Amino acid sequence: MKTTTPLAKFGSLLALALLLIVGSACDSIVGSDDDDDHDDDEHGEMARVQLETRDGTGTVVATWTDENGWDTDALTVALSDDGDHPVWTVRMFEEDGDEITLEEGGEFEARYAVDSEAPQDIIYFDGSGEIDFEGAAATLYGDEGELFHGDHVHVYPQSAGTTQVRFLLWHDNHSDDDTALIDLTVQE
């Protein structure tokens, strides 16, 4: 006959309570389809993402919708010998058309990620958003670069070729939602 002490019973109940609390937190897996745990007022869900130039014109570079995917086959950037690199304003919208507020250090930020199966040497990328440039890249871009600035992102070309990226609705230290992959081509 097995007996259980009151302390063991309390420990089991405490572990169960912790599992319930942790299980109701935000999804930390990019692209999770388990929306039952989300309260749309607390966690953004993107229905549309719009990339715009940040050169004063606000030209739309590409638009993604949850329903139709990307409106372009690829994003194209040029390798430059003067350090020019794309900076895109990222605008994210919920299904009802409300724009999600994106700001550095705010509740939500825009980020992108290179797909793990795609070439990793086409653009400079680090999930932390911080890049330490060396050699010729340091001459072009300076010693350090920051990729993510809340409502806009920087893309630093590294070599000619094509990789794949997705744009993320970043919340604290994880993605709440993401776009489909899109080709990003760097040309000479």
N, C-alpha and C. Protein backbone atom coordinates (compact mmCIF):
# COMPACT_ATOMS: atom_id res chain seq x y z
N MET A 1 0.83 -1.17 0.00
CA MET A 1 0.00 0.00 0.00
C MET A 1 0.89 1.24 0.00
N LYS A 2 0.56 2.19 -0.92
CA LYS A 2 1.36 3.40 -1.08
C LYS A 2 0.62 4.56 -0.43
N THR A 3 1.34 5.36 0.35
CA THR A 3 0.73 6.53 0.97
C THR A 3 1.41 7.77 0.42
N THR A 4 0.65 8.85 0.32
CA THR A 4 1.16 10.10 -0.18
C THR A 4 1.11 11.13 0.94
N THR A 5 2.22 11.80 1.13
CA THR A 5 2.28 12.81 2.19
C THR A 5 1.56 14.07 1.75
N PRO A 6 1.10 14.88 2.71
CA PRO A 6 0.45 16.15 2.35
C PRO A 6 1.38 17.05 1.52
N LEU A 7 2.68 17.04 1.79
CA LEU A 7 3.63 17.86 1.05
C LEU A 7 3.69 17.41 -0.42
N ALA A 8 3.66 16.12 -0.66
CA ALA A 8 3.69 15.61 -2.04
C ALA A 8 2.41 16.00 -2.78
N LYS A 9 1.26 15.93 -2.09
CA LYS A 9 0.00 16.34 -2.71
C LYS A 9 0.04 17.83 -3.07
N PHE A 10 0.56 18.65 -2.15
CA PHE A 10 0.65 20.09 -2.39
C PHE A 10 1.59 20.37 -3.57
N GLY A 11 2.70 19.68 -3.63
CA GLY A 11 3.66 19.84 -4.74
C GLY A 11 3.02 19.49 -6.07
N SER A 12 2.23 18.43 -6.11
CA SER A 12 1.55 18.04 -7.35
C SER A 12 0.54 19.10 -7.78
N LEU A 13 -0.22 19.63 -6.84
CA LEU A 13 -1.18 20.68 -7.16
C LEU A 13 -0.48 21.95 -7.64
N LEU A 14 0.64 22.29 -7.04
CA LEU A 14 1.41 23.46 -7.44
C LEU A 14 1.94 23.29 -8.86
N ALA A 15 2.46 22.10 -9.18
CA ALA A 15 2.97 21.83 -10.53
C ALA A 15 1.84 21.93 -11.56
N LEU A 16 0.66 21.41 -11.22
CA LEU A 16 -0.48 21.49 -12.13
C LEU A 16 -0.88 22.94 -12.37
N ALA A 17 -0.90 23.75 -11.32
CA ALA A 17 -1.25 25.16 -11.46
C ALA A 17 -0.25 25.89 -12.34
N LEU A 18 1.03 25.59 -12.18
CA LEU A 18 2.06 26.22 -13.02
C LEU A 18 1.90 25.82 -14.49
N LEU A 19 1.58 24.56 -14.74
CA LEU A 19 1.35 24.12 -16.12
C LEU A 19 0.19 24.87 -16.75
N LEU A 20 -0.88 25.09 -16.00
CA LEU A 20 -2.03 25.82 -16.53
C LEU A 20 -1.68 27.27 -16.83
N ILE A 21 -0.89 27.89 -15.96
CA ILE A 21 -0.50 29.29 -16.18
C ILE A 21 0.41 29.40 -17.39
N VAL A 22 1.44 28.56 -17.46
CA VAL A 22 2.38 28.60 -18.58
C VAL A 22 1.67 28.24 -19.88
N GLY A 23 0.77 27.31 -19.85
CA GLY A 23 0.06 26.87 -21.05
C GLY A 23 -0.84 27.94 -21.63
N SER A 24 -1.25 28.92 -20.80
CA SER A 24 -2.13 29.97 -21.31
C SER A 24 -1.36 31.19 -21.79
N ALA A 25 -0.04 31.16 -21.70
CA ALA A 25 0.77 32.29 -22.17
C ALA A 25 0.78 32.33 -23.68
N CYS A 26 1.38 33.39 -24.24
CA CYS A 26 1.46 33.56 -25.69
C CYS A 26 2.20 32.40 -26.33
N ASP A 27 1.82 32.09 -27.57
CA ASP A 27 2.57 31.09 -28.32
C ASP A 27 3.96 31.62 -28.59
N SER A 28 4.96 30.79 -28.40
CA SER A 28 6.32 31.23 -28.70
C SER A 28 6.81 30.60 -29.99
N ILE A 29 5.96 29.84 -30.64
CA ILE A 29 6.34 29.20 -31.89
C ILE A 29 5.83 30.06 -33.04
N VAL A 30 6.72 30.44 -33.90
CA VAL A 30 6.35 31.27 -35.05
C VAL A 30 5.33 30.52 -35.90
N GLY A 31 4.24 31.19 -36.22
CA GLY A 31 3.24 30.62 -37.12
C GLY A 31 2.32 29.62 -36.48
N SER A 32 2.25 29.60 -35.15
CA SER A 32 1.37 28.65 -34.49
C SER A 32 -0.07 28.88 -34.91
N ASP A 33 -0.79 27.81 -35.14
CA ASP A 33 -2.19 27.91 -35.54
C ASP A 33 -3.14 27.76 -34.37
N ASP A 34 -2.61 27.62 -33.16
CA ASP A 34 -3.44 27.43 -31.99
C ASP A 34 -3.92 28.79 -31.49
N ASP A 35 -5.01 29.28 -32.07
CA ASP A 35 -5.53 30.59 -31.73
C ASP A 35 -6.51 30.56 -30.57
N ASP A 36 -6.84 29.38 -30.06
CA ASP A 36 -7.81 29.29 -28.98
C ASP A 36 -7.33 29.96 -27.71
N ASP A 37 -6.00 30.05 -27.53
CA ASP A 37 -5.47 30.64 -26.31
C ASP A 37 -5.32 32.15 -26.42
N HIS A 38 -5.62 32.74 -27.57
CA HIS A 38 -5.39 34.16 -27.76
C HIS A 38 -6.65 34.98 -27.52
N ASP A 39 -6.48 36.09 -26.85
CA ASP A 39 -7.50 37.11 -26.73
C ASP A 39 -7.06 38.20 -27.69
N ASP A 40 -7.81 38.44 -28.76
CA ASP A 40 -7.39 39.35 -29.81
C ASP A 40 -7.13 40.76 -29.31
N ASP A 41 -7.72 41.15 -28.17
CA ASP A 41 -7.45 42.48 -27.64
C ASP A 41 -6.06 42.56 -27.02
N GLU A 42 -5.52 41.44 -26.57
CA GLU A 42 -4.20 41.42 -25.95
C GLU A 42 -3.12 41.06 -26.96
N HIS A 43 -3.40 40.20 -27.89
CA HIS A 43 -2.40 39.67 -28.80
C HIS A 43 -2.81 39.98 -30.23
N GLY A 44 -1.95 40.68 -30.93
CA GLY A 44 -2.26 41.03 -32.30
C GLY A 44 -2.25 39.81 -33.20
N GLU A 45 -3.14 39.81 -34.15
CA GLU A 45 -3.13 38.82 -35.21
C GLU A 45 -3.20 39.59 -36.51
N MET A 46 -2.22 39.37 -37.33
CA MET A 46 -2.12 40.15 -38.55
C MET A 46 -3.01 39.58 -39.65
N ALA A 47 -3.69 40.47 -40.33
CA ALA A 47 -4.43 40.09 -41.52
C ALA A 47 -3.75 40.68 -42.75
N ARG A 48 -2.97 41.77 -42.53
CA ARG A 48 -2.28 42.43 -43.64
C ARG A 48 -1.00 43.06 -43.12
N VAL A 49 0.06 42.97 -43.94
CA VAL A 49 1.34 43.62 -43.65
C VAL A 49 1.74 44.39 -44.89
N GLN A 50 2.16 45.62 -44.69
CA GLN A 50 2.55 46.48 -45.80
C GLN A 50 3.97 46.98 -45.55
N LEU A 51 4.86 46.81 -46.53
CA LEU A 51 6.22 47.32 -46.47
C LEU A 51 6.29 48.57 -47.32
N GLU A 52 6.83 49.65 -46.74
CA GLU A 52 6.93 50.92 -47.45
C GLU A 52 8.36 51.43 -47.36
N THR A 53 8.80 52.14 -48.41
CA THR A 53 10.12 52.76 -48.35
C THR A 53 10.11 53.80 -47.25
N ARG A 54 11.26 54.03 -46.69
CA ARG A 54 11.38 55.01 -45.61
C ARG A 54 12.26 56.17 -46.10
N ASP A 55 12.03 56.55 -47.33
CA ASP A 55 12.83 57.61 -47.96
C ASP A 55 12.05 58.91 -48.10
N GLY A 56 10.92 59.00 -47.41
CA GLY A 56 10.10 60.20 -47.49
C GLY A 56 8.94 60.07 -48.46
N THR A 57 9.00 59.07 -49.36
CA THR A 57 7.91 58.89 -50.33
C THR A 57 6.85 57.92 -49.83
N GLY A 58 7.23 56.99 -48.94
CA GLY A 58 6.29 56.00 -48.45
C GLY A 58 5.78 55.05 -49.52
N THR A 59 6.58 54.84 -50.56
CA THR A 59 6.20 53.95 -51.65
C THR A 59 6.01 52.53 -51.12
N VAL A 60 4.89 51.91 -51.47
CA VAL A 60 4.62 50.54 -51.04
C VAL A 60 5.50 49.59 -51.85
N VAL A 61 6.30 48.79 -51.15
CA VAL A 61 7.21 47.84 -51.77
C VAL A 61 6.51 46.50 -51.96
N ALA A 62 5.74 46.09 -50.96
CA ALA A 62 5.04 44.80 -51.02
C ALA A 62 3.94 44.80 -49.98
N THR A 63 2.90 44.00 -50.24
CA THR A 63 1.81 43.82 -49.30
C THR A 63 1.53 42.33 -49.17
N TRP A 64 1.34 41.89 -47.93
CA TRP A 64 0.97 40.50 -47.65
C TRP A 64 -0.39 40.50 -46.98
N THR A 65 -1.25 39.58 -47.38
CA THR A 65 -2.51 39.37 -46.67
C THR A 65 -2.60 37.90 -46.27
N ASP A 66 -3.27 37.68 -45.17
CA ASP A 66 -3.45 36.32 -44.67
C ASP A 66 -4.21 35.48 -45.69
N GLU A 67 -5.07 36.13 -46.43
CA GLU A 67 -5.92 35.44 -47.40
C GLU A 67 -5.20 35.11 -48.71
N ASN A 68 -4.39 36.07 -49.23
CA ASN A 68 -3.81 35.91 -50.56
C ASN A 68 -2.30 35.81 -50.60
N GLY A 69 -1.61 35.94 -49.48
CA GLY A 69 -0.15 35.89 -49.47
C GLY A 69 0.45 37.19 -49.96
N TRP A 70 1.66 37.13 -50.49
CA TRP A 70 2.38 38.31 -50.97
C TRP A 70 1.88 38.73 -52.34
N ASP A 71 1.87 40.04 -52.59
CA ASP A 71 1.43 40.56 -53.88
C ASP A 71 2.58 40.68 -54.88
N THR A 72 3.76 40.23 -54.49
CA THR A 72 4.92 40.25 -55.36
C THR A 72 5.68 38.95 -55.17
N ASP A 73 6.42 38.54 -56.19
CA ASP A 73 7.16 37.29 -56.08
C ASP A 73 8.40 37.42 -55.21
N ALA A 74 9.02 38.61 -55.19
CA ALA A 74 10.26 38.77 -54.44
C ALA A 74 10.51 40.22 -54.10
N LEU A 75 11.25 40.42 -53.04
CA LEU A 75 11.80 41.72 -52.71
C LEU A 75 13.20 41.75 -53.32
N THR A 76 13.56 42.83 -53.95
CA THR A 76 14.86 42.91 -54.60
C THR A 76 15.62 44.12 -54.05
N VAL A 77 16.85 43.88 -53.64
CA VAL A 77 17.72 44.96 -53.17
C VAL A 77 19.06 44.84 -53.90
N ALA A 78 19.79 45.92 -53.91
CA ALA A 78 21.06 45.94 -54.63
C ALA A 78 22.23 45.99 -53.66
N LEU A 79 23.30 45.26 -54.01
CA LEU A 79 24.55 45.41 -53.30
C LEU A 79 25.09 46.78 -53.67
N SER A 80 25.53 47.52 -52.70
CA SER A 80 25.98 48.88 -52.96
C SER A 80 27.39 49.05 -52.42
N ASP A 81 28.20 49.80 -53.13
CA ASP A 81 29.55 50.06 -52.63
C ASP A 81 29.63 51.34 -51.82
N ASP A 82 28.47 51.95 -51.54
CA ASP A 82 28.47 53.16 -50.72
C ASP A 82 27.70 53.00 -49.40
N GLY A 83 27.33 51.77 -49.06
CA GLY A 83 26.67 51.51 -47.79
C GLY A 83 25.17 51.68 -47.80
N ASP A 84 24.60 52.08 -48.95
CA ASP A 84 23.14 52.19 -49.02
C ASP A 84 22.52 50.81 -48.77
N HIS A 85 21.46 50.80 -48.03
CA HIS A 85 20.73 49.55 -47.76
C HIS A 85 19.26 49.90 -47.54
N PRO A 86 18.37 48.96 -47.83
CA PRO A 86 16.94 49.25 -47.66
C PRO A 86 16.55 49.43 -46.20
N VAL A 87 15.68 50.40 -45.99
CA VAL A 87 15.03 50.59 -44.70
C VAL A 87 13.54 50.66 -45.03
N TRP A 88 12.79 49.73 -44.46
CA TRP A 88 11.36 49.65 -44.76
C TRP A 88 10.53 49.91 -43.52
N THR A 89 9.54 50.79 -43.66
CA THR A 89 8.52 50.93 -42.64
C THR A 89 7.62 49.72 -42.77
N VAL A 90 7.28 49.12 -41.65
CA VAL A 90 6.40 47.95 -41.64
C VAL A 90 5.10 48.36 -40.96
N ARG A 91 4.02 48.19 -41.68
CA ARG A 91 2.70 48.49 -41.12
C ARG A 91 1.92 47.18 -41.05
N MET A 92 1.36 46.88 -39.90
CA MET A 92 0.62 45.64 -39.68
C MET A 92 -0.81 45.98 -39.28
N PHE A 93 -1.75 45.25 -39.86
CA PHE A 93 -3.17 45.51 -39.65
C PHE A 93 -3.88 44.24 -39.19
N GLU A 94 -4.85 44.43 -38.31
CA GLU A 94 -5.69 43.33 -37.85
C GLU A 94 -6.81 43.09 -38.87
N GLU A 95 -7.55 42.02 -38.68
CA GLU A 95 -8.62 41.65 -39.61
C GLU A 95 -9.67 42.75 -39.75
N ASP A 96 -9.94 43.47 -38.67
CA ASP A 96 -10.96 44.53 -38.73
C ASP A 96 -10.42 45.82 -39.37
N GLY A 97 -9.15 45.81 -39.80
CA GLY A 97 -8.55 46.97 -40.45
C GLY A 97 -7.79 47.89 -39.52
N ASP A 98 -7.91 47.66 -38.21
CA ASP A 98 -7.16 48.48 -37.26
C ASP A 98 -5.67 48.22 -37.40
N GLU A 99 -4.90 49.31 -37.41
CA GLU A 99 -3.45 49.18 -37.49
C GLU A 99 -2.89 48.85 -36.11
N ILE A 100 -1.98 47.91 -36.06
CA ILE A 100 -1.31 47.53 -34.82
C ILE A 100 -0.21 48.55 -34.57
N THR A 101 -0.18 49.10 -33.37
CA THR A 101 0.85 50.08 -33.03
C THR A 101 2.18 49.36 -32.84
N LEU A 102 3.15 49.73 -33.67
CA LEU A 102 4.49 49.16 -33.61
C LEU A 102 5.45 50.25 -33.15
N GLU A 103 6.18 49.99 -32.08
CA GLU A 103 7.15 50.97 -31.60
C GLU A 103 8.26 50.27 -30.83
N GLU A 104 9.46 50.82 -30.99
CA GLU A 104 10.61 50.25 -30.30
C GLU A 104 10.40 50.31 -28.80
N GLY A 105 10.52 49.15 -28.15
CA GLY A 105 10.29 49.07 -26.72
C GLY A 105 8.82 49.02 -26.33
N GLY A 106 7.92 49.04 -27.33
CA GLY A 106 6.48 49.00 -27.07
C GLY A 106 5.99 47.58 -26.94
N GLU A 107 4.68 47.43 -26.88
CA GLU A 107 4.09 46.10 -26.75
C GLU A 107 4.39 45.24 -27.98
N PHE A 108 4.34 45.86 -29.18
CA PHE A 108 4.60 45.13 -30.42
C PHE A 108 5.67 45.83 -31.23
N GLU A 109 6.48 45.04 -31.92
CA GLU A 109 7.49 45.54 -32.83
C GLU A 109 7.46 44.71 -34.11
N ALA A 110 7.96 45.29 -35.18
CA ALA A 110 8.11 44.56 -36.43
C ALA A 110 9.52 44.00 -36.50
N ARG A 111 9.62 42.75 -36.92
CA ARG A 111 10.91 42.11 -37.14
C ARG A 111 10.80 41.24 -38.38
N TYR A 112 11.92 40.73 -38.82
CA TYR A 112 11.93 39.72 -39.87
C TYR A 112 12.90 38.64 -39.46
N ALA A 113 12.80 37.49 -40.12
CA ALA A 113 13.71 36.38 -39.84
C ALA A 113 14.02 35.66 -41.14
N VAL A 114 15.27 35.26 -41.28
CA VAL A 114 15.67 34.45 -42.43
C VAL A 114 15.26 33.01 -42.13
N ASP A 115 14.63 32.37 -43.09
CA ASP A 115 14.20 30.98 -42.91
C ASP A 115 15.42 30.09 -42.67
N SER A 116 15.30 29.15 -41.76
CA SER A 116 16.43 28.28 -41.42
C SER A 116 16.87 27.40 -42.58
N GLU A 117 16.00 27.14 -43.54
CA GLU A 117 16.34 26.30 -44.69
C GLU A 117 16.91 27.12 -45.86
N ALA A 118 16.88 28.43 -45.75
CA ALA A 118 17.31 29.32 -46.84
C ALA A 118 18.79 29.69 -46.65
N PRO A 119 19.45 30.15 -47.72
CA PRO A 119 20.85 30.59 -47.59
C PRO A 119 20.98 31.68 -46.52
N GLN A 120 22.01 31.55 -45.70
CA GLN A 120 22.20 32.45 -44.56
C GLN A 120 23.19 33.58 -44.83
N ASP A 121 23.82 33.59 -46.02
CA ASP A 121 24.88 34.57 -46.29
C ASP A 121 24.48 35.61 -47.34
N ILE A 122 23.20 35.78 -47.59
CA ILE A 122 22.73 36.76 -48.58
C ILE A 122 22.55 38.14 -47.94
N ILE A 123 22.01 38.16 -46.74
CA ILE A 123 21.90 39.40 -45.96
C ILE A 123 22.51 39.14 -44.59
N TYR A 124 22.95 40.22 -43.95
CA TYR A 124 23.43 40.09 -42.58
C TYR A 124 22.21 39.95 -41.69
N PHE A 125 22.21 38.89 -40.87
CA PHE A 125 21.06 38.67 -40.01
C PHE A 125 21.51 38.02 -38.71
N ASP A 126 20.92 38.49 -37.63
CA ASP A 126 21.06 37.88 -36.31
C ASP A 126 19.72 38.12 -35.62
N GLY A 127 19.15 37.08 -35.06
CA GLY A 127 17.85 37.19 -34.42
C GLY A 127 17.79 38.21 -33.30
N SER A 128 18.95 38.54 -32.72
CA SER A 128 18.99 39.55 -31.66
C SER A 128 18.75 40.95 -32.21
N GLY A 129 18.95 41.10 -33.53
CA GLY A 129 18.78 42.40 -34.16
C GLY A 129 20.05 43.23 -34.17
N GLU A 130 21.12 42.74 -33.56
CA GLU A 130 22.39 43.45 -33.49
C GLU A 130 23.40 42.76 -34.41
N ILE A 131 24.09 43.57 -35.21
CA ILE A 131 25.11 43.05 -36.12
C ILE A 131 26.43 43.76 -35.84
N ASP A 132 27.50 43.00 -35.69
CA ASP A 132 28.84 43.56 -35.62
C ASP A 132 29.51 43.29 -36.96
N PHE A 133 29.74 44.35 -37.72
CA PHE A 133 30.34 44.21 -39.04
C PHE A 133 31.86 44.16 -38.91
N GLU A 134 32.48 43.40 -39.82
CA GLU A 134 33.93 43.29 -39.86
C GLU A 134 34.40 43.47 -41.29
N GLY A 135 35.66 43.85 -41.44
CA GLY A 135 36.28 43.95 -42.76
C GLY A 135 35.60 44.96 -43.65
N ALA A 136 35.36 44.55 -44.91
CA ALA A 136 34.75 45.44 -45.90
C ALA A 136 33.35 45.90 -45.48
N ALA A 137 32.60 45.04 -44.80
CA ALA A 137 31.25 45.41 -44.35
C ALA A 137 31.32 46.54 -43.34
N ALA A 138 32.33 46.54 -42.47
CA ALA A 138 32.48 47.62 -41.49
C ALA A 138 32.78 48.94 -42.19
N THR A 139 33.51 48.86 -43.30
CA THR A 139 33.79 50.06 -44.08
C THR A 139 32.51 50.61 -44.70
N LEU A 140 31.64 49.70 -45.15
CA LEU A 140 30.37 50.12 -45.77
C LEU A 140 29.34 50.60 -44.76
N TYR A 141 29.15 49.80 -43.71
CA TYR A 141 28.02 50.01 -42.81
C TYR A 141 28.39 50.56 -41.43
N GLY A 142 29.68 50.67 -41.14
CA GLY A 142 30.11 51.03 -39.79
C GLY A 142 30.38 49.78 -38.99
N ASP A 143 30.81 49.93 -37.76
CA ASP A 143 31.17 48.76 -36.94
C ASP A 143 29.96 47.96 -36.47
N GLU A 144 28.83 48.65 -36.28
CA GLU A 144 27.64 47.98 -35.74
C GLU A 144 26.41 48.40 -36.53
N GLY A 145 25.44 47.50 -36.57
CA GLY A 145 24.16 47.81 -37.20
C GLY A 145 23.03 47.24 -36.36
N GLU A 146 21.91 47.91 -36.41
CA GLU A 146 20.71 47.43 -35.71
C GLU A 146 19.64 47.17 -36.75
N LEU A 147 19.05 45.99 -36.72
CA LEU A 147 18.09 45.58 -37.75
C LEU A 147 16.68 46.07 -37.47
N PHE A 148 16.26 46.07 -36.21
CA PHE A 148 14.86 46.30 -35.87
C PHE A 148 14.70 47.57 -35.03
N HIS A 149 13.75 48.42 -35.44
CA HIS A 149 13.52 49.69 -34.75
C HIS A 149 12.03 49.90 -34.47
N GLY A 150 11.33 48.88 -34.07
CA GLY A 150 9.92 49.02 -33.73
C GLY A 150 9.03 49.01 -34.94
N ASP A 151 8.94 50.16 -35.64
CA ASP A 151 8.05 50.26 -36.79
C ASP A 151 8.79 50.17 -38.13
N HIS A 152 10.10 49.98 -38.09
CA HIS A 152 10.84 49.83 -39.34
C HIS A 152 12.03 48.88 -39.16
N VAL A 153 12.50 48.36 -40.28
CA VAL A 153 13.60 47.39 -40.28
C VAL A 153 14.65 47.81 -41.29
N HIS A 154 15.89 47.43 -41.00
CA HIS A 154 17.02 47.64 -41.91
C HIS A 154 17.42 46.29 -42.48
N VAL A 155 17.77 46.26 -43.76
CA VAL A 155 18.26 45.05 -44.41
C VAL A 155 19.64 45.39 -44.98
N TYR A 156 20.66 44.68 -44.51
CA TYR A 156 22.03 44.92 -44.96
C TYR A 156 22.44 43.80 -45.92
N PRO A 157 22.56 44.09 -47.22
CA PRO A 157 22.98 43.08 -48.18
C PRO A 157 24.40 42.59 -47.88
N GLN A 158 24.60 41.28 -48.07
CA GLN A 158 25.92 40.69 -47.83
C GLN A 158 26.55 40.17 -49.11
N SER A 159 25.76 39.42 -49.90
CA SER A 159 26.27 38.88 -51.16
C SER A 159 25.12 38.66 -52.12
N ALA A 160 25.44 38.58 -53.41
CA ALA A 160 24.40 38.37 -54.41
C ALA A 160 23.79 36.98 -54.25
N GLY A 161 22.48 36.91 -54.42
CA GLY A 161 21.77 35.64 -54.31
C GLY A 161 20.37 35.86 -53.79
N THR A 162 19.70 34.76 -53.49
CA THR A 162 18.32 34.82 -52.99
C THR A 162 18.20 34.01 -51.71
N THR A 163 17.53 34.60 -50.74
CA THR A 163 17.20 33.91 -49.50
C THR A 163 15.70 34.09 -49.27
N GLN A 164 15.18 33.56 -48.19
CA GLN A 164 13.77 33.71 -47.87
C GLN A 164 13.61 34.27 -46.46
N VAL A 165 12.69 35.24 -46.34
CA VAL A 165 12.42 35.84 -45.04
C VAL A 165 10.92 35.85 -44.79
N ARG A 166 10.57 36.01 -43.54
CA ARG A 166 9.19 36.23 -43.12
C ARG A 166 9.20 37.40 -42.16
N PHE A 167 8.12 38.15 -42.13
CA PHE A 167 8.01 39.29 -41.23
C PHE A 167 7.19 38.86 -40.02
N LEU A 168 7.62 39.34 -38.85
CA LEU A 168 7.08 38.89 -37.57
C LEU A 168 6.42 40.02 -36.80
N LEU A 169 5.33 39.70 -36.15
CA LEU A 169 4.72 40.59 -35.16
C LEU A 169 5.34 40.20 -33.83
N TRP A 170 6.32 40.98 -33.39
CA TRP A 170 7.13 40.64 -32.22
C TRP A 170 6.49 41.19 -30.95
N HIS A 171 6.35 40.34 -29.95
CA HIS A 171 5.73 40.70 -28.67
C HIS A 171 6.64 40.19 -27.56
N ASP A 172 7.23 41.10 -26.80
CA ASP A 172 8.19 40.76 -25.74
C ASP A 172 9.39 40.04 -26.35
N ASN A 173 9.48 38.74 -26.18
CA ASN A 173 10.64 37.99 -26.67
C ASN A 173 10.25 36.85 -27.62
N HIS A 174 9.10 37.01 -28.29
CA HIS A 174 8.63 35.96 -29.19
C HIS A 174 7.71 36.56 -30.26
N SER A 175 7.42 35.76 -31.25
CA SER A 175 6.53 36.18 -32.33
C SER A 175 5.11 35.74 -32.01
N ASP A 176 4.17 36.68 -32.11
CA ASP A 176 2.76 36.34 -31.96
C ASP A 176 2.14 35.92 -33.29
N ASP A 177 2.72 36.38 -34.40
CA ASP A 177 2.18 36.05 -35.71
C ASP A 177 3.27 36.33 -36.75
N ASP A 178 3.10 35.77 -37.93
CA ASP A 178 4.10 35.97 -38.98
C ASP A 178 3.46 35.87 -40.35
N THR A 179 4.18 36.39 -41.34
CA THR A 179 3.74 36.29 -42.73
C THR A 179 4.25 35.00 -43.33
N ALA A 180 3.80 34.73 -44.54
CA ALA A 180 4.39 33.65 -45.32
C ALA A 180 5.79 34.08 -45.73
N LEU A 181 6.60 33.12 -46.15
CA LEU A 181 7.94 33.43 -46.65
C LEU A 181 7.86 34.20 -47.96
N ILE A 182 8.86 35.07 -48.15
CA ILE A 182 9.00 35.78 -49.41
C ILE A 182 10.48 35.74 -49.79
N ASP A 183 10.75 35.59 -51.09
CA ASP A 183 12.12 35.63 -51.56
C ASP A 183 12.67 37.03 -51.41
N LEU A 184 13.90 37.13 -50.96
CA LEU A 184 14.61 38.40 -50.91
C LEU A 184 15.87 38.20 -51.75
N THR A 185 15.94 38.93 -52.86
CA THR A 185 17.05 38.78 -53.79
C THR A 185 17.97 39.98 -53.71
N VAL A 186 19.26 39.70 -53.55
CA VAL A 186 20.28 40.74 -53.56
C VAL A 186 20.98 40.65 -54.92
N GLN A 187 21.01 41.78 -55.63
CA GLN A 187 21.64 41.84 -56.94
C GLN A 187 22.91 42.65 -56.87
N GLU A 188 23.87 42.34 -57.77
CA GLU A 188 25.11 43.12 -57.87
C GLU A 188 24.79 44.53 -58.28
